[in-house]
Amino acid sequence: MSELRQKEILHMQIRLFRLAWMKWGVGLEKCAEWFDRFQVDRYISECYEIFHVQGDDVNLGEVARYLKSQGAEL
């Protein structure tokens, strides 16, 4: 994977984390716990080819569905 692609993925992971924290109304710690426990960064990286052509709201919805499927209670 190229360095540019890695930076793009990291940017998306950070952006989606920030949006999740703001839109879901949970504390930073809880949001970070979910992202860590359920390996959301890995999920975003694996789905990047789809995510990079969709909007943030759609991607955040996908992350929420993923978390719920893993047992998170949003």
N, C-alpha and C. Protein backbone atom coordinates (compact mmCIF):
# COMPACT_ATOMS: atom_id res chain seq x y z
N MET A 1 0.85 -1.18 0.00
CA MET A 1 0.00 0.00 0.00
C MET A 1 0.89 1.24 0.00
N SER A 2 0.53 2.19 -0.84
CA SER A 2 1.35 3.40 -0.95
C SER A 2 1.20 4.28 0.29
N GLU A 3 2.19 5.12 0.49
CA GLU A 3 2.15 6.05 1.62
C GLU A 3 0.96 7.01 1.49
N LEU A 4 0.68 7.44 0.27
CA LEU A 4 -0.46 8.33 0.05
C LEU A 4 -1.77 7.65 0.43
N ARG A 5 -1.94 6.39 0.03
CA ARG A 5 -3.16 5.65 0.37
C ARG A 5 -3.28 5.49 1.88
N GLN A 6 -2.18 5.21 2.56
CA GLN A 6 -2.19 5.07 4.02
C GLN A 6 -2.62 6.38 4.67
N LYS A 7 -2.15 7.50 4.16
CA LYS A 7 -2.54 8.80 4.71
C LYS A 7 -4.02 9.08 4.47
N GLU A 8 -4.53 8.71 3.30
CA GLU A 8 -5.94 8.91 3.00
C GLU A 8 -6.82 8.08 3.93
N ILE A 9 -6.42 6.85 4.18
CA ILE A 9 -7.17 5.98 5.09
C ILE A 9 -7.13 6.54 6.51
N LEU A 10 -5.96 6.96 6.96
CA LEU A 10 -5.85 7.54 8.29
C LEU A 10 -6.74 8.77 8.43
N HIS A 11 -6.74 9.62 7.43
CA HIS A 11 -7.59 10.81 7.44
C HIS A 11 -9.06 10.42 7.57
N MET A 12 -9.49 9.40 6.83
CA MET A 12 -10.88 8.95 6.91
C MET A 12 -11.19 8.37 8.29
N GLN A 13 -10.26 7.60 8.85
CA GLN A 13 -10.47 7.02 10.18
C GLN A 13 -10.65 8.13 11.21
N ILE A 14 -9.82 9.13 11.16
CA ILE A 14 -9.92 10.25 12.10
C ILE A 14 -11.21 11.01 11.90
N ARG A 15 -11.55 11.30 10.64
CA ARG A 15 -12.76 12.05 10.35
C ARG A 15 -14.01 11.29 10.83
N LEU A 16 -14.07 10.00 10.57
CA LEU A 16 -15.24 9.22 10.99
C LEU A 16 -15.30 9.08 12.50
N PHE A 17 -14.15 8.97 13.15
CA PHE A 17 -14.16 8.93 14.62
C PHE A 17 -14.74 10.22 15.17
N ARG A 18 -14.29 11.35 14.64
CA ARG A 18 -14.77 12.66 15.11
C ARG A 18 -16.28 12.81 14.85
N LEU A 19 -16.74 12.41 13.68
CA LEU A 19 -18.17 12.49 13.37
C LEU A 19 -18.98 11.58 14.29
N ALA A 20 -18.47 10.37 14.54
CA ALA A 20 -19.18 9.43 15.42
C ALA A 20 -19.32 10.03 16.81
N TRP A 21 -18.25 10.54 17.33
CA TRP A 21 -18.27 11.13 18.67
C TRP A 21 -19.27 12.27 18.74
N MET A 22 -19.30 13.12 17.73
CA MET A 22 -20.19 14.27 17.74
C MET A 22 -21.65 13.88 17.52
N LYS A 23 -21.91 13.02 16.55
CA LYS A 23 -23.30 12.69 16.19
C LYS A 23 -23.95 11.71 17.17
N TRP A 24 -23.17 10.83 17.75
CA TRP A 24 -23.75 9.84 18.65
C TRP A 24 -23.89 10.36 20.07
N GLY A 25 -23.31 11.50 20.36
CA GLY A 25 -23.46 12.12 21.67
C GLY A 25 -22.87 11.31 22.82
N VAL A 26 -21.80 10.60 22.54
CA VAL A 26 -21.12 9.85 23.60
C VAL A 26 -19.80 10.54 23.89
N GLY A 27 -19.22 10.24 25.00
CA GLY A 27 -17.93 10.82 25.34
C GLY A 27 -16.82 10.26 24.46
N LEU A 28 -15.73 10.96 24.45
CA LEU A 28 -14.57 10.51 23.68
C LEU A 28 -14.11 9.12 24.12
N GLU A 29 -14.13 8.90 25.43
CA GLU A 29 -13.67 7.61 25.94
C GLU A 29 -14.52 6.46 25.43
N LYS A 30 -15.85 6.64 25.45
CA LYS A 30 -16.75 5.58 24.99
C LYS A 30 -16.57 5.33 23.50
N CYS A 31 -16.48 6.39 22.74
CA CYS A 31 -16.28 6.26 21.30
C CYS A 31 -14.96 5.55 21.01
N ALA A 32 -13.91 5.95 21.70
CA ALA A 32 -12.60 5.32 21.52
C ALA A 32 -12.65 3.85 21.92
N GLU A 33 -13.39 3.54 22.97
CA GLU A 33 -13.54 2.14 23.41
C GLU A 33 -14.16 1.30 22.30
N TRP A 34 -15.25 1.81 21.71
CA TRP A 34 -15.90 1.08 20.61
C TRP A 34 -14.96 0.90 19.44
N PHE A 35 -14.28 1.98 19.03
CA PHE A 35 -13.39 1.89 17.88
C PHE A 35 -12.26 0.90 18.14
N ASP A 36 -11.76 0.87 19.36
CA ASP A 36 -10.68 -0.06 19.70
C ASP A 36 -11.20 -1.48 19.84
N ARG A 37 -12.21 -1.66 20.65
CA ARG A 37 -12.73 -3.00 20.96
C ARG A 37 -13.22 -3.72 19.72
N PHE A 38 -13.88 -3.00 18.82
CA PHE A 38 -14.47 -3.62 17.63
C PHE A 38 -13.64 -3.39 16.37
N GLN A 39 -12.43 -2.90 16.53
CA GLN A 39 -11.46 -2.73 15.44
C GLN A 39 -12.07 -1.96 14.25
N VAL A 40 -12.68 -0.83 14.57
CA VAL A 40 -13.33 -0.02 13.54
C VAL A 40 -12.31 0.53 12.55
N ASP A 41 -11.12 0.88 13.01
CA ASP A 41 -10.10 1.38 12.08
C ASP A 41 -9.76 0.33 11.02
N ARG A 42 -9.68 -0.91 11.43
CA ARG A 42 -9.42 -2.01 10.48
C ARG A 42 -10.57 -2.12 9.50
N TYR A 43 -11.80 -2.02 10.01
CA TYR A 43 -12.99 -2.08 9.16
C TYR A 43 -12.98 -0.95 8.12
N ILE A 44 -12.67 0.26 8.56
CA ILE A 44 -12.61 1.40 7.64
C ILE A 44 -11.53 1.16 6.58
N SER A 45 -10.39 0.66 7.00
CA SER A 45 -9.31 0.39 6.07
C SER A 45 -9.74 -0.66 5.03
N GLU A 46 -10.40 -1.71 5.48
CA GLU A 46 -10.84 -2.78 4.58
C GLU A 46 -11.92 -2.30 3.61
N CYS A 47 -12.73 -1.34 4.04
CA CYS A 47 -13.83 -0.84 3.22
C CYS A 47 -13.49 0.45 2.49
N TYR A 48 -12.23 0.86 2.54
CA TYR A 48 -11.85 2.16 2.00
C TYR A 48 -12.23 2.34 0.54
N GLU A 49 -12.09 1.32 -0.27
CA GLU A 49 -12.40 1.44 -1.70
C GLU A 49 -13.86 1.86 -1.91
N ILE A 50 -14.74 1.42 -1.06
CA ILE A 50 -16.15 1.83 -1.14
C ILE A 50 -16.35 3.16 -0.43
N PHE A 51 -15.76 3.28 0.75
CA PHE A 51 -15.96 4.48 1.57
C PHE A 51 -15.49 5.76 0.89
N HIS A 52 -14.41 5.69 0.13
CA HIS A 52 -13.85 6.94 -0.42
C HIS A 52 -14.72 7.55 -1.52
N VAL A 53 -15.71 6.81 -2.01
CA VAL A 53 -16.61 7.37 -3.03
C VAL A 53 -17.98 7.70 -2.45
N GLN A 54 -18.16 7.50 -1.17
CA GLN A 54 -19.41 7.81 -0.49
C GLN A 54 -19.22 9.02 0.42
N GLY A 55 -20.31 9.59 0.85
CA GLY A 55 -20.26 10.72 1.77
C GLY A 55 -20.06 10.27 3.20
N ASP A 56 -19.69 11.22 4.03
CA ASP A 56 -19.43 10.92 5.44
C ASP A 56 -20.65 10.36 6.16
N ASP A 57 -21.84 10.89 5.87
CA ASP A 57 -23.04 10.39 6.55
C ASP A 57 -23.30 8.93 6.21
N VAL A 58 -23.13 8.57 4.96
CA VAL A 58 -23.32 7.17 4.55
C VAL A 58 -22.27 6.29 5.22
N ASN A 59 -21.03 6.74 5.21
CA ASN A 59 -19.96 5.95 5.84
C ASN A 59 -20.18 5.79 7.34
N LEU A 60 -20.63 6.86 7.99
CA LEU A 60 -20.89 6.77 9.42
C LEU A 60 -22.04 5.79 9.69
N GLY A 61 -23.03 5.78 8.82
CA GLY A 61 -24.10 4.79 8.93
C GLY A 61 -23.59 3.37 8.79
N GLU A 62 -22.65 3.18 7.88
CA GLU A 62 -22.04 1.85 7.71
C GLU A 62 -21.26 1.44 8.96
N VAL A 63 -20.54 2.39 9.53
CA VAL A 63 -19.79 2.10 10.76
C VAL A 63 -20.76 1.76 11.89
N ALA A 64 -21.86 2.48 11.99
CA ALA A 64 -22.86 2.20 13.03
C ALA A 64 -23.44 0.80 12.85
N ARG A 65 -23.77 0.44 11.61
CA ARG A 65 -24.30 -0.91 11.35
C ARG A 65 -23.27 -1.97 11.70
N TYR A 66 -22.01 -1.71 11.37
CA TYR A 66 -20.95 -2.65 11.70
C TYR A 66 -20.85 -2.83 13.22
N LEU A 67 -20.83 -1.72 13.94
CA LEU A 67 -20.72 -1.80 15.39
C LEU A 67 -21.89 -2.57 16.00
N LYS A 68 -23.09 -2.28 15.53
CA LYS A 68 -24.27 -3.00 16.05
C LYS A 68 -24.17 -4.49 15.75
N SER A 69 -23.67 -4.84 14.56
CA SER A 69 -23.53 -6.26 14.21
C SER A 69 -22.49 -6.96 15.07
N GLN A 70 -21.58 -6.18 15.65
CA GLN A 70 -20.54 -6.73 16.51
C GLN A 70 -20.96 -6.75 17.99
N GLY A 71 -22.15 -6.19 18.27
CA GLY A 71 -22.66 -6.23 19.64
C GLY A 71 -22.60 -4.91 20.39
N ALA A 72 -22.14 -3.85 19.75
CA ALA A 72 -22.11 -2.55 20.42
C ALA A 72 -23.53 -2.02 20.56
N GLU A 73 -23.79 -1.36 21.68
CA GLU A 73 -25.10 -0.77 21.91
C GLU A 73 -24.97 0.74 21.75
N LEU A 74 -25.30 1.20 20.54
CA LEU A 74 -25.21 2.64 20.26
C LEU A 74 -26.42 3.36 20.80
